[in-house]
Amino acid sequence: MNQDFTCCGQHEVCEKTRFLTLPEIEYYEDEELDRFRGRSSDDYTEEDTEEFREVLLTMRPDEVTGWLQSLQLRGVELPDGVKDDVLMIVDEQRGL
């Protein structure tokens, strides 16, 4: 099956390639968290939650939003026990 992916030139962003590119995953020295892929946010032990909290506390506040996106792209849910901490940091970054 031969698909033609040449751009038609009628759009500012090529419609054919826009859907083919996925955001690139950026790691925040947290590759070890990939082992939690597919786990529900309410299915973490306190030890697991502390591991996420340690990563969170080592990053700059302006990195937290990118970290959340990275986790989402990797299929890793944030533990419920860390969500309030993350929300507080994100709200501060947004000036809320």
Protein backbone atom coordinates (compact mmCIF):
# COMPACT_ATOMS: atom_id res chain seq x y z
CA MET A 1 0.00 0.00 0.00
CA ASN A 2 1.64 3.22 -1.16
CA GLN A 3 0.52 6.36 0.69
CA ASP A 4 1.32 9.78 -0.70
CA PHE A 5 2.42 12.08 2.13
CA THR A 6 3.36 15.09 0.04
CA CYS A 7 2.06 18.38 1.33
CA CYS A 8 -0.69 20.08 -0.67
CA GLY A 9 0.67 23.53 0.30
CA GLN A 10 -2.73 24.97 1.20
CA HIS A 11 -2.30 24.95 4.98
CA GLU A 12 0.11 26.80 7.26
CA VAL A 13 0.79 23.46 8.96
CA CYS A 14 0.62 20.47 6.69
CA GLU A 15 -2.51 18.52 7.57
CA LYS A 16 -1.01 15.23 6.37
CA THR A 17 2.03 15.33 8.64
CA ARG A 18 0.42 17.03 11.62
CA PHE A 19 -1.25 13.77 12.65
CA LEU A 20 1.84 11.68 12.03
CA THR A 21 4.06 13.45 14.54
CA LEU A 22 3.74 12.67 18.21
CA PRO A 23 5.15 14.86 20.96
CA GLU A 24 8.60 13.73 21.93
CA ILE A 25 8.87 12.27 25.41
CA GLU A 26 11.25 14.17 27.66
CA TYR A 27 12.65 12.45 30.71
CA TYR A 28 13.36 14.29 33.95
CA GLU A 29 15.88 11.80 35.32
CA ASP A 30 12.85 9.65 36.14
CA GLU A 31 13.16 6.71 33.76
CA GLU A 32 12.60 4.35 36.70
CA LEU A 33 8.99 5.56 36.94
CA ASP A 34 8.20 3.81 33.64
CA ARG A 35 7.78 0.59 35.59
CA PHE A 36 4.49 2.05 36.90
CA ARG A 37 3.05 2.29 33.38
CA GLY A 38 -0.59 1.21 33.36
CA ARG A 39 -1.05 1.40 37.12
CA SER A 40 -4.09 3.29 38.44
CA SER A 41 -3.49 6.48 40.42
CA ASP A 42 -5.09 4.91 43.52
CA ASP A 43 -3.02 1.72 43.30
CA TYR A 44 0.31 2.95 44.70
CA THR A 45 1.96 2.06 47.98
CA GLU A 46 3.28 4.81 50.24
CA GLU A 47 6.79 3.81 49.15
CA ASP A 48 5.83 4.21 45.47
CA THR A 49 4.24 7.59 46.22
CA GLU A 50 7.40 8.76 47.97
CA GLU A 51 9.41 7.85 44.88
CA PHE A 52 7.27 10.20 42.77
CA ARG A 53 7.47 12.89 45.46
CA GLU A 54 11.28 12.66 45.49
CA VAL A 55 11.39 13.23 41.73
CA LEU A 56 8.95 16.13 42.06
CA LEU A 57 11.03 17.81 44.76
CA THR A 58 14.23 17.62 42.70
CA MET A 59 12.87 19.59 39.76
CA ARG A 60 12.37 23.29 39.24
CA PRO A 61 8.76 24.48 39.54
CA ASP A 62 8.72 25.48 35.86
CA GLU A 63 9.49 21.87 34.88
CA VAL A 64 6.48 20.33 36.62
CA THR A 65 3.97 20.86 33.80
CA GLY A 66 6.37 19.27 31.30
CA TRP A 67 6.94 16.38 33.70
CA LEU A 68 3.21 15.78 33.95
CA GLN A 69 2.94 15.72 30.16
CA SER A 70 5.88 13.33 29.98
CA LEU A 71 4.24 10.97 32.47
CA GLN A 72 0.98 11.11 30.51
CA LEU A 73 2.71 10.32 27.21
CA ARG A 74 4.47 7.40 28.89
CA GLY A 75 1.22 6.01 30.33
CA VAL A 76 2.23 6.62 33.94
CA GLU A 77 -0.48 7.95 36.24
CA LEU A 78 0.49 10.22 39.10
CA PRO A 79 -0.25 8.70 42.51
CA ASP A 80 -3.19 10.26 44.34
CA GLY A 81 -0.88 11.06 47.27
CA VAL A 82 1.20 13.46 45.15
CA LYS A 83 -1.56 15.25 43.23
CA ASP A 84 -2.13 17.98 45.82
CA ASP A 85 1.59 18.80 45.89
CA VAL A 86 1.69 18.98 42.09
CA LEU A 87 -1.46 21.11 41.92
CA MET A 88 -0.03 23.58 44.42
CA ILE A 89 3.19 23.97 42.40
CA VAL A 90 1.35 24.33 39.08
CA ASP A 91 -1.04 26.92 40.56
CA GLU A 92 1.90 28.92 41.90
CA GLN A 93 3.52 28.85 38.45
CA ARG A 94 0.32 30.14 36.89
CA GLY A 95 0.03 32.87 39.52
CA LEU A 96 -3.21 31.57 40.99
